[in-house]
Amino acid sequence: MDNIDKISEPLKTSDGFLNPVAMKELEDKIINMPKTYERLNDDSEWNQKRWVFVKDITSYLAKWAISQSPYHYPERLDEVVKYLHACLKRQANELPKH
């Protein structure tokens, strides 16, 4: 995290409005940001090959939806999970077989 560029200007002015100088600096940082594969190249979470199954992704979605919901169970979560499952299965079936 030490090599992350930070903006030097405060995001808000003293009267509570967005600082245009900070916004310009932020825009420049974003435009000049290295590609994802360059930024994450040395991060073992992103460069180690591992198996990920459709059930892993759908269960994480359900877990986080429930944990962040103000309700006991988010309404129609089961439909969202079923839809995500169908989309991921279709994508997985299109992957090349080795």
PDB file of N, CA and C in Angstrom:
ATOM      1  N   MET A   1       0.808  -1.193   0.000  1.00  0.00           N
ATOM      2  CA  MET A   1       0.000   0.000   0.000  1.00  0.00           C
ATOM      3  C   MET A   1       0.854   1.263   0.000  1.00  0.00           C
ATOM      4  N   ASP A   2       2.144   1.114   0.230  1.00  0.00           N
ATOM      5  CA  ASP A   2       3.013   2.283   0.269  1.00  0.00           C
ATOM      6  C   ASP A   2       3.185   2.925  -1.102  1.00  0.00           C
ATOM      7  N   ASN A   3       3.022   2.140  -2.157  1.00  0.00           N
ATOM      8  CA  ASN A   3       3.242   2.676  -3.493  1.00  0.00           C
ATOM      9  C   ASN A   3       1.976   3.263  -4.123  1.00  0.00           C
ATOM     10  N   ILE A   4       0.939   3.473  -3.337  1.00  0.00           N
ATOM     11  CA  ILE A   4      -0.301   4.035  -3.844  1.00  0.00           C
ATOM     12  C   ILE A   4      -0.204   5.551  -3.842  1.00  0.00           C
ATOM     13  N   ASP A   5      -0.483   6.147  -4.998  1.00  0.00           N
ATOM     14  CA  ASP A   5      -0.501   7.606  -5.079  1.00  0.00           C
ATOM     15  C   ASP A   5      -1.718   8.143  -4.339  1.00  0.00           C
ATOM     16  N   LYS A   6      -1.508   9.200  -3.607  1.00  0.00           N
ATOM     17  CA  LYS A   6      -2.593   9.831  -2.861  1.00  0.00           C
ATOM     18  C   LYS A   6      -2.742  11.267  -3.336  1.00  0.00           C
ATOM     19  N   ILE A   7      -3.961  11.777  -3.277  1.00  0.00           N
ATOM     20  CA  ILE A   7      -4.138  13.182  -3.637  1.00  0.00           C
ATOM     21  C   ILE A   7      -3.683  14.043  -2.464  1.00  0.00           C
ATOM     22  N   SER A   8      -3.134  15.194  -2.762  1.00  0.00           N
ATOM     23  CA  SER A   8      -2.575  16.051  -1.714  1.00  0.00           C
ATOM     24  C   SER A   8      -3.561  17.120  -1.240  1.00  0.00           C
ATOM     25  N   GLU A   9      -4.553  17.418  -2.062  1.00  0.00           N
ATOM     26  CA  GLU A   9      -5.518  18.457  -1.722  1.00  0.00           C
ATOM     27  C   GLU A   9      -6.689  17.864  -0.927  1.00  0.00           C
ATOM     28  N   PRO A  10      -7.282  18.637  -0.003  1.00  0.00           N
ATOM     29  CA  PRO A  10      -8.469  18.136   0.693  1.00  0.00           C
ATOM     30  C   PRO A  10      -9.639  18.006  -0.277  1.00  0.00           C
ATOM     31  N   LEU A  11     -10.476  16.993  -0.056  1.00  0.00           N
ATOM     32  CA  LEU A  11     -11.594  16.732  -0.951  1.00  0.00           C
ATOM     33  C   LEU A  11     -12.659  17.822  -0.873  1.00  0.00           C
ATOM     34  N   LYS A  12     -12.829  18.408   0.310  1.00  0.00           N
ATOM     35  CA  LYS A  12     -13.829  19.475   0.482  1.00  0.00           C
ATOM     36  C   LYS A  12     -13.148  20.775   0.877  1.00  0.00           C
ATOM     37  N   THR A  13     -13.783  21.869   0.490  1.00  0.00           N
ATOM     38  CA  THR A  13     -13.294  23.181   0.892  1.00  0.00           C
ATOM     39  C   THR A  13     -13.749  23.460   2.318  1.00  0.00           C
ATOM     40  N   SER A  14     -13.275  24.550   2.891  1.00  0.00           N
ATOM     41  CA  SER A  14     -13.645  24.884   4.272  1.00  0.00           C
ATOM     42  C   SER A  14     -15.133  25.163   4.418  1.00  0.00           C
ATOM     43  N   ASP A  15     -15.809  25.543   3.324  1.00  0.00           N
ATOM     44  CA  ASP A  15     -17.251  25.785   3.399  1.00  0.00           C
ATOM     45  C   ASP A  15     -18.076  24.553   3.025  1.00  0.00           C
ATOM     46  N   GLY A  16     -17.421  23.384   2.876  1.00  0.00           N
ATOM     47  CA  GLY A  16     -18.138  22.119   2.689  1.00  0.00           C
ATOM     48  C   GLY A  16     -18.407  21.717   1.259  1.00  0.00           C
ATOM     49  N   PHE A  17     -17.913  22.455   0.288  1.00  0.00           N
ATOM     50  CA  PHE A  17     -18.125  22.104  -1.109  1.00  0.00           C
ATOM     51  C   PHE A  17     -16.945  21.279  -1.624  1.00  0.00           C
ATOM     52  N   LEU A  18     -17.186  20.557  -2.726  1.00  0.00           N
ATOM     53  CA  LEU A  18     -16.101  19.787  -3.326  1.00  0.00           C
ATOM     54  C   LEU A  18     -15.015  20.741  -3.818  1.00  0.00           C
ATOM     55  N   ASN A  19     -13.792  20.374  -3.549  1.00  0.00           N
ATOM     56  CA  ASN A  19     -12.642  21.166  -3.941  1.00  0.00           C
ATOM     57  C   ASN A  19     -12.309  20.860  -5.405  1.00  0.00           C
ATOM     58  N   PRO A  20     -12.457  21.825  -6.320  1.00  0.00           N
ATOM     59  CA  PRO A  20     -12.194  21.545  -7.737  1.00  0.00           C
ATOM     60  C   PRO A  20     -10.737  21.160  -8.004  1.00  0.00           C
ATOM     61  N   VAL A  21      -9.810  21.673  -7.212  1.00  0.00           N
ATOM     62  CA  VAL A  21      -8.404  21.317  -7.393  1.00  0.00           C
ATOM     63  C   VAL A  21      -8.190  19.848  -7.031  1.00  0.00           C
ATOM     64  N   ALA A  22      -8.818  19.409  -5.943  1.00  0.00           N
ATOM     65  CA  ALA A  22      -8.720  18.003  -5.542  1.00  0.00           C
ATOM     66  C   ALA A  22      -9.380  17.107  -6.581  1.00  0.00           C
ATOM     67  N   MET A  23     -10.505  17.531  -7.120  1.00  0.00           N
ATOM     68  CA  MET A  23     -11.194  16.727  -8.125  1.00  0.00           C
ATOM     69  C   MET A  23     -10.341  16.590  -9.390  1.00  0.00           C
ATOM     70  N   LYS A  24      -9.664  17.648  -9.786  1.00  0.00           N
ATOM     71  CA  LYS A  24      -8.775  17.587 -10.946  1.00  0.00           C
ATOM     72  C   LYS A  24      -7.590  16.668 -10.665  1.00  0.00           C
ATOM     73  N   GLU A  25      -7.046  16.770  -9.469  1.00  0.00           N
ATOM     74  CA  GLU A  25      -5.930  15.908  -9.090  1.00  0.00           C
ATOM     75  C   GLU A  25      -6.376  14.441  -9.082  1.00  0.00           C
ATOM     76  N   LEU A  26      -7.555  14.166  -8.551  1.00  0.00           N
ATOM     77  CA  LEU A  26      -8.097  12.810  -8.533  1.00  0.00           C
ATOM     78  C   LEU A  26      -8.317  12.298  -9.951  1.00  0.00           C
ATOM     79  N   GLU A  27      -8.872  13.130 -10.803  1.00  0.00           N
ATOM     80  CA  GLU A  27      -9.096  12.747 -12.200  1.00  0.00           C
ATOM     81  C   GLU A  27      -7.773  12.387 -12.884  1.00  0.00           C
ATOM     82  N   ASP A  28      -6.744  13.195 -12.655  1.00  0.00           N
ATOM     83  CA  ASP A  28      -5.434  12.916 -13.248  1.00  0.00           C
ATOM     84  C   ASP A  28      -4.862  11.594 -12.734  1.00  0.00           C
ATOM     85  N   LYS A  29      -5.030  11.323 -11.430  1.00  0.00           N
ATOM     86  CA  LYS A  29      -4.524  10.071 -10.854  1.00  0.00           C
ATOM     87  C   LYS A  29      -5.231   8.870 -11.487  1.00  0.00           C
ATOM     88  N   ILE A  30      -6.551   8.989 -11.656  1.00  0.00           N
ATOM     89  CA  ILE A  30      -7.326   7.882 -12.228  1.00  0.00           C
ATOM     90  C   ILE A  30      -6.930   7.645 -13.679  1.00  0.00           C
ATOM     91  N   ILE A  31      -6.783   8.720 -14.439  1.00  0.00           N
ATOM     92  CA  ILE A  31      -6.409   8.587 -15.851  1.00  0.00           C
ATOM     93  C   ILE A  31      -5.046   7.919 -15.995  1.00  0.00           C
ATOM     94  N   ASN A  32      -4.122   8.238 -15.104  1.00  0.00           N
ATOM     95  CA  ASN A  32      -2.761   7.705 -15.196  1.00  0.00           C
ATOM     96  C   ASN A  32      -2.542   6.420 -14.398  1.00  0.00           C
ATOM     97  N   MET A  33      -3.612   5.845 -13.871  1.00  0.00           N
ATOM     98  CA  MET A  33      -3.499   4.624 -13.082  1.00  0.00           C
ATOM     99  C   MET A  33      -3.074   3.465 -13.975  1.00  0.00           C
ATOM    100  N   PRO A  34      -2.139   2.641 -13.506  1.00  0.00           N
ATOM    101  CA  PRO A  34      -1.729   1.481 -14.313  1.00  0.00           C
ATOM    102  C   PRO A  34      -2.892   0.510 -14.509  1.00  0.00           C
ATOM    103  N   LYS A  35      -2.788  -0.289 -15.543  1.00  0.00           N
ATOM    104  CA  LYS A  35      -3.800  -1.314 -15.801  1.00  0.00           C
ATOM    105  C   LYS A  35      -3.893  -2.266 -14.611  1.00  0.00           C
ATOM    106  N   THR A  36      -5.043  -2.912 -14.469  1.00  0.00           N
ATOM    107  CA  THR A  36      -5.278  -3.807 -13.339  1.00  0.00           C
ATOM    108  C   THR A  36      -4.194  -4.871 -13.228  1.00  0.00           C
ATOM    109  N   TYR A  37      -3.833  -5.502 -14.339  1.00  0.00           N
ATOM    110  CA  TYR A  37      -2.840  -6.574 -14.266  1.00  0.00           C
ATOM    111  C   TYR A  37      -1.480  -6.065 -13.818  1.00  0.00           C
ATOM    112  N   GLU A  38      -1.181  -4.792 -14.068  1.00  0.00           N
ATOM    113  CA  GLU A  38       0.081  -4.230 -13.588  1.00  0.00           C
ATOM    114  C   GLU A  38       0.014  -3.929 -12.097  1.00  0.00           C
ATOM    115  N   ARG A  39      -1.129  -3.403 -11.645  1.00  0.00           N
ATOM    116  CA  ARG A  39      -1.270  -3.041 -10.230  1.00  0.00           C
ATOM    117  C   ARG A  39      -1.286  -4.273  -9.331  1.00  0.00           C
ATOM    118  N   LEU A  40      -1.870  -5.356  -9.805  1.00  0.00           N
ATOM    119  CA  LEU A  40      -2.064  -6.533  -8.963  1.00  0.00           C
ATOM    120  C   LEU A  40      -1.031  -7.625  -9.233  1.00  0.00           C
ATOM    121  N   ASN A  41      -0.052  -7.346 -10.031  1.00  0.00           N
ATOM    122  CA  ASN A  41       0.933  -8.336 -10.444  1.00  0.00           C
ATOM    123  C   ASN A  41       1.655  -8.989  -9.264  1.00  0.00           C
ATOM    124  N   ASP A  42       1.970  -8.220  -8.241  1.00  0.00           N
ATOM    125  CA  ASP A  42       2.716  -8.764  -7.099  1.00  0.00           C
ATOM    126  C   ASP A  42       1.817  -9.161  -5.934  1.00  0.00           C
ATOM    127  N   ASP A  43       0.523  -9.115  -6.133  1.00  0.00           N
ATOM    128  CA  ASP A  43      -0.421  -9.443  -5.066  1.00  0.00           C
ATOM    129  C   ASP A  43      -0.827 -10.910  -5.193  1.00  0.00           C
ATOM    130  N   SER A  44      -0.427 -11.733  -4.217  1.00  0.00           N
ATOM    131  CA  SER A  44      -0.656 -13.180  -4.325  1.00  0.00           C
ATOM    132  C   SER A  44      -2.132 -13.543  -4.392  1.00  0.00           C
ATOM    133  N   GLU A  45      -2.996 -12.687  -3.867  1.00  0.00           N
ATOM    134  CA  GLU A  45      -4.433 -12.977  -3.950  1.00  0.00           C
ATOM    135  C   GLU A  45      -4.901 -13.017  -5.405  1.00  0.00           C
ATOM    136  N   TRP A  46      -4.226 -12.280  -6.275  1.00  0.00           N
ATOM    137  CA  TRP A  46      -4.654 -12.165  -7.661  1.00  0.00           C
ATOM    138  C   TRP A  46      -3.799 -12.954  -8.646  1.00  0.00           C
ATOM    139  N   ASN A  47      -2.613 -13.377  -8.258  1.00  0.00           N
ATOM    140  CA  ASN A  47      -1.780 -14.048  -9.251  1.00  0.00           C
ATOM    141  C   ASN A  47      -1.609 -15.545  -9.001  1.00  0.00           C
ATOM    142  N   GLN A  48      -2.240 -16.091  -7.967  1.00  0.00           N
ATOM    143  CA  GLN A  48      -2.195 -17.535  -7.751  1.00  0.00           C
ATOM    144  C   GLN A  48      -3.395 -18.185  -8.420  1.00  0.00           C
ATOM    145  N   LYS A  49      -3.130 -19.226  -9.163  1.00  0.00           N
ATOM    146  CA  LYS A  49      -4.234 -19.952  -9.793  1.00  0.00           C
ATOM    147  C   LYS A  49      -4.908 -20.820  -8.745  1.00  0.00           C
ATOM    148  N   ARG A  50      -6.239 -20.790  -8.727  1.00  0.00           N
ATOM    149  CA  ARG A  50      -6.983 -21.638  -7.808  1.00  0.00           C
ATOM    150  C   ARG A  50      -8.362 -21.933  -8.401  1.00  0.00           C
ATOM    151  N   TRP A  51      -8.940 -22.978  -7.908  1.00  0.00           N
ATOM    152  CA  TRP A  51     -10.266 -23.379  -8.358  1.00  0.00           C
ATOM    153  C   TRP A  51     -11.314 -22.497  -7.704  1.00  0.00           C
ATOM    154  N   VAL A  52     -12.257 -22.026  -8.504  1.00  0.00           N
ATOM    155  CA  VAL A  52     -13.413 -21.291  -7.998  1.00  0.00           C
ATOM    156  C   VAL A  52     -14.637 -21.905  -8.655  1.00  0.00           C
ATOM    157  N   PHE A  53     -15.579 -22.283  -7.839  1.00  0.00           N
ATOM    158  CA  PHE A  53     -16.784 -22.918  -8.337  1.00  0.00           C
ATOM    159  C   PHE A  53     -17.951 -21.934  -8.297  1.00  0.00           C
ATOM    160  N   VAL A  54     -18.949 -22.195  -9.126  1.00  0.00           N
ATOM    161  CA  VAL A  54     -20.136 -21.341  -9.174  1.00  0.00           C
ATOM    162  C   VAL A  54     -20.747 -21.218  -7.786  1.00  0.00           C
ATOM    163  N   LYS A  55     -20.795 -22.317  -7.059  1.00  0.00           N
ATOM    164  CA  LYS A  55     -21.383 -22.299  -5.717  1.00  0.00           C
ATOM    165  C   LYS A  55     -20.609 -21.364  -4.786  1.00  0.00           C
ATOM    166  N   ASP A  56     -19.297 -21.262  -4.956  1.00  0.00           N
ATOM    167  CA  ASP A  56     -18.503 -20.339  -4.133  1.00  0.00           C
ATOM    168  C   ASP A  56     -18.981 -18.908  -4.334  1.00  0.00           C
ATOM    169  N   ILE A  57     -19.161 -18.518  -5.581  1.00  0.00           N
ATOM    170  CA  ILE A  57     -19.547 -17.145  -5.895  1.00  0.00           C
ATOM    171  C   ILE A  57     -20.961 -16.853  -5.414  1.00  0.00           C
ATOM    172  N   THR A  58     -21.896 -17.762  -5.696  1.00  0.00           N
ATOM    173  CA  THR A  58     -23.287 -17.509  -5.289  1.00  0.00           C
ATOM    174  C   THR A  58     -23.434 -17.524  -3.772  1.00  0.00           C
ATOM    175  N   SER A  59     -22.690 -18.376  -3.094  1.00  0.00           N
ATOM    176  CA  SER A  59     -22.808 -18.404  -1.628  1.00  0.00           C
ATOM    177  C   SER A  59     -22.213 -17.154  -0.988  1.00  0.00           C
ATOM    178  N   TYR A  60     -21.116 -16.635  -1.571  1.00  0.00           N
ATOM    179  CA  TYR A  60     -20.560 -15.383  -1.053  1.00  0.00           C
ATOM    180  C   TYR A  60     -21.537 -14.229  -1.249  1.00  0.00           C
ATOM    181  N   LEU A  61     -22.184 -14.188  -2.420  1.00  0.00           N
ATOM    182  CA  LEU A  61     -23.170 -13.142  -2.657  1.00  0.00           C
ATOM    183  C   LEU A  61     -24.294 -13.213  -1.627  1.00  0.00           C
ATOM    184  N   ALA A  62     -24.820 -14.415  -1.412  1.00  0.00           N
ATOM    185  CA  ALA A  62     -25.917 -14.577  -0.458  1.00  0.00           C
ATOM    186  C   ALA A  62     -25.476 -14.206   0.956  1.00  0.00           C
ATOM    187  N   LYS A  63     -24.301 -14.651   1.345  1.00  0.00           N
ATOM    188  CA  LYS A  63     -23.790 -14.351   2.682  1.00  0.00           C
ATOM    189  C   LYS A  63     -23.696 -12.853   2.909  1.00  0.00           C
ATOM    190  N   TRP A  64     -23.088 -12.140   1.949  1.00  0.00           N
ATOM    191  CA  TRP A  64     -22.902 -10.698   2.128  1.00  0.00           C
ATOM    192  C   TRP A  64     -24.207  -9.935   1.995  1.00  0.00           C
ATOM    193  N   ALA A  65     -25.109 -10.406   1.162  1.00  0.00           N
ATOM    194  CA  ALA A  65     -26.413  -9.749   1.061  1.00  0.00           C
ATOM    195  C   ALA A  65     -27.166  -9.853   2.381  1.00  0.00           C
ATOM    196  N   ILE A  66     -27.111 -11.013   3.004  1.00  0.00           N
ATOM    197  CA  ILE A  66     -27.790 -11.204   4.292  1.00  0.00           C
ATOM    198  C   ILE A  66     -27.095 -10.413   5.386  1.00  0.00           C
ATOM    199  N   SER A  67     -25.776 -10.438   5.418  1.00  0.00           N
ATOM    200  CA  SER A  67     -25.057  -9.759   6.506  1.00  0.00           C
ATOM    201  C   SER A  67     -25.188  -8.240   6.419  1.00  0.00           C
ATOM    202  N   GLN A  68     -25.405  -7.693   5.218  1.00  0.00           N
ATOM    203  CA  GLN A  68     -25.505  -6.245   5.083  1.00  0.00           C
ATOM    204  C   GLN A  68     -26.943  -5.744   5.034  1.00  0.00           C
ATOM    205  N   SER A  69     -27.879  -6.648   5.003  1.00  0.00           N
ATOM    206  CA  SER A  69     -29.280  -6.248   4.931  1.00  0.00           C
ATOM    207  C   SER A  69     -29.804  -5.828   6.300  1.00  0.00           C
ATOM    208  N   PRO A  70     -30.637  -4.787   6.347  1.00  0.00           N
ATOM    209  CA  PRO A  70     -31.257  -4.423   7.622  1.00  0.00           C
ATOM    210  C   PRO A  70     -32.384  -5.392   8.009  1.00  0.00           C
ATOM    211  N   TYR A  71     -32.729  -6.271   7.094  1.00  0.00           N
ATOM    212  CA  TYR A  71     -33.806  -7.231   7.337  1.00  0.00           C
ATOM    213  C   TYR A  71     -33.208  -8.611   7.610  1.00  0.00           C
ATOM    214  N   HIS A  72     -34.044  -9.504   8.110  1.00  0.00           N
ATOM    215  CA  HIS A  72     -33.589 -10.870   8.400  1.00  0.00           C
ATOM    216  C   HIS A  72     -33.065 -11.548   7.142  1.00  0.00           C
ATOM    217  N   TYR A  73     -33.762 -11.309   6.036  1.00  0.00           N
ATOM    218  CA  TYR A  73     -33.430 -11.958   4.772  1.00  0.00           C
ATOM    219  C   TYR A  73     -33.867 -11.015   3.657  1.00  0.00           C
ATOM    220  N   PRO A  74     -32.978 -10.577   2.775  1.00  0.00           N
ATOM    221  CA  PRO A  74     -33.368  -9.653   1.703  1.00  0.00           C
ATOM    222  C   PRO A  74     -34.447 -10.260   0.807  1.00  0.00           C
ATOM    223  N   GLU A  75     -35.427  -9.466   0.518  1.00  0.00           N
ATOM    224  CA  GLU A  75     -36.543  -9.925  -0.305  1.00  0.00           C
ATOM    225  C   GLU A  75     -36.055 -10.365  -1.685  1.00  0.00           C
ATOM    226  N   ARG A  76     -36.502 -11.519  -2.129  1.00  0.00           N
ATOM    227  CA  ARG A  76     -36.214 -12.097  -3.438  1.00  0.00           C
ATOM    228  C   ARG A  76     -34.729 -12.436  -3.640  1.00  0.00           C
ATOM    229  N   LEU A  77     -33.990 -12.589  -2.541  1.00  0.00           N
ATOM    230  CA  LEU A  77     -32.582 -12.971  -2.663  1.00  0.00           C
ATOM    231  C   LEU A  77     -32.446 -14.302  -3.382  1.00  0.00           C
ATOM    232  N   ASP A  78     -33.341 -15.219  -3.123  1.00  0.00           N
ATOM    233  CA  ASP A  78     -33.266 -16.524  -3.778  1.00  0.00           C
ATOM    234  C   ASP A  78     -33.359 -16.392  -5.299  1.00  0.00           C
ATOM    235  N   GLU A  79     -34.172 -15.459  -5.787  1.00  0.00           N
ATOM    236  CA  GLU A  79     -34.289 -15.253  -7.233  1.00  0.00           C
ATOM    237  C   GLU A  79     -32.992 -14.678  -7.805  1.00  0.00           C
ATOM    238  N   VAL A  80     -32.389 -13.765  -7.065  1.00  0.00           N
ATOM    239  CA  VAL A  80     -31.125 -13.172  -7.517  1.00  0.00           C
ATOM    240  C   VAL A  80     -30.038 -14.241  -7.571  1.00  0.00           C
ATOM    241  N   VAL A  81     -29.971 -15.077  -6.534  1.00  0.00           N
ATOM    242  CA  VAL A  81     -28.956 -16.125  -6.497  1.00  0.00           C
ATOM    243  C   VAL A  81     -29.183 -17.133  -7.631  1.00  0.00           C
ATOM    244  N   LYS A  82     -30.432 -17.501  -7.878  1.00  0.00           N
ATOM    245  CA  LYS A  82     -30.722 -18.430  -8.981  1.00  0.00           C
ATOM    246  C   LYS A  82     -30.339 -17.828 -10.330  1.00  0.00           C
ATOM    247  N   TYR A  83     -30.609 -16.542 -10.510  1.00  0.00           N
ATOM    248  CA  TYR A  83     -30.259 -15.872 -11.762  1.00  0.00           C
ATOM    249  C   TYR A  83     -28.738 -15.823 -11.932  1.00  0.00           C
ATOM    250  N   LEU A  84     -28.030 -15.430 -10.871  1.00  0.00           N
ATOM    251  CA  LEU A  84     -26.572 -15.389 -10.923  1.00  0.00           C
ATOM    252  C   LEU A  84     -26.009 -16.774 -11.226  1.00  0.00           C
ATOM    253  N   HIS A  85     -26.571 -17.792 -10.588  1.00  0.00           N
ATOM    254  CA  HIS A  85     -26.125 -19.171 -10.811  1.00  0.00           C
ATOM    255  C   HIS A  85     -26.281 -19.561 -12.284  1.00  0.00           C
ATOM    256  N   ALA A  86     -27.431 -19.229 -12.863  1.00  0.00           N
ATOM    257  CA  ALA A  86     -27.680 -19.570 -14.273  1.00  0.00           C
ATOM    258  C   ALA A  86     -26.704 -18.832 -15.187  1.00  0.00           C
ATOM    259  N   CYS A  87     -26.451 -17.558 -14.904  1.00  0.00           N
ATOM    260  CA  CYS A  87     -25.517 -16.776 -15.729  1.00  0.00           C
ATOM    261  C   CYS A  87     -24.098 -17.331 -15.632  1.00  0.00           C
ATOM    262  N   LEU A  88     -23.672 -17.654 -14.417  1.00  0.00           N
ATOM    263  CA  LEU A  88     -22.317 -18.180 -14.229  1.00  0.00           C
ATOM    264  C   LEU A  88     -22.157 -19.554 -14.871  1.00  0.00           C
ATOM    265  N   LYS A  89     -23.174 -20.400 -14.764  1.00  0.00           N
ATOM    266  CA  LYS A  89     -23.108 -21.728 -15.387  1.00  0.00           C
ATOM    267  C   LYS A  89     -22.991 -21.599 -16.902  1.00  0.00           C
ATOM    268  N   ARG A  90     -23.759 -20.659 -17.473  1.00  0.00           N
ATOM    269  CA  ARG A  90     -23.681 -20.453 -18.920  1.00  0.00           C
ATOM    270  C   ARG A  90     -22.279 -19.997 -19.309  1.00  0.00           C
ATOM    271  N   GLN A  91     -21.704 -19.063 -18.548  1.00  0.00           N
ATOM    272  CA  GLN A  91     -20.347 -18.593 -18.832  1.00  0.00           C
ATOM    273  C   GLN A  91     -19.333 -19.729 -18.662  1.00  0.00           C
ATOM    274  N   ALA A  92     -19.496 -20.528 -17.615  1.00  0.00           N
ATOM    275  CA  ALA A  92     -18.564 -21.635 -17.369  1.00  0.00           C
ATOM    276  C   ALA A  92     -18.619 -22.658 -18.490  1.00  0.00           C
ATOM    277  N   ASN A  93     -19.793 -22.898 -19.030  1.00  0.00           N
ATOM    278  CA  ASN A  93     -19.949 -23.860 -20.123  1.00  0.00           C
ATOM    279  C   ASN A  93     -19.295 -23.374 -21.409  1.00  0.00           C
ATOM    280  N   GLU A  94     -19.091 -22.060 -21.531  1.00  0.00           N
ATOM    281  CA  GLU A  94     -18.465 -21.503 -22.725  1.00  0.00           C
ATOM    282  C   GLU A  94     -16.933 -21.464 -22.633  1.00  0.00           C
ATOM    283  N   LEU A  95     -16.394 -21.777 -21.447  1.00  0.00           N
ATOM    284  CA  LEU A  95     -14.940 -21.792 -21.287  1.00  0.00           C
ATOM    285  C   LEU A  95     -14.336 -22.955 -22.057  1.00  0.00           C
ATOM    286  N   PRO A  96     -13.103 -22.789 -22.557  1.00  0.00           N
ATOM    287  CA  PRO A  96     -12.482 -23.895 -23.273  1.00  0.00           C
ATOM    288  C   PRO A  96     -12.195 -25.057 -22.320  1.00  0.00           C
ATOM    289  N   LYS A  97     -12.367 -26.257 -22.817  1.00  0.00           N
ATOM    290  CA  LYS A  97     -12.101 -27.471 -22.021  1.00  0.00           C
ATOM    291  C   LYS A  97     -10.653 -27.868 -22.209  1.00  0.00           C
ATOM    292  N   HIS A  98      -9.972 -28.174 -21.098  1.00  0.00           N
ATOM    293  CA  HIS A  98      -8.562 -28.583 -21.177  1.00  0.00           C
ATOM    294  C   HIS A  98      -8.409 -29.997 -20.717  1.00  0.00           C
TER     295      HIS A  98
END
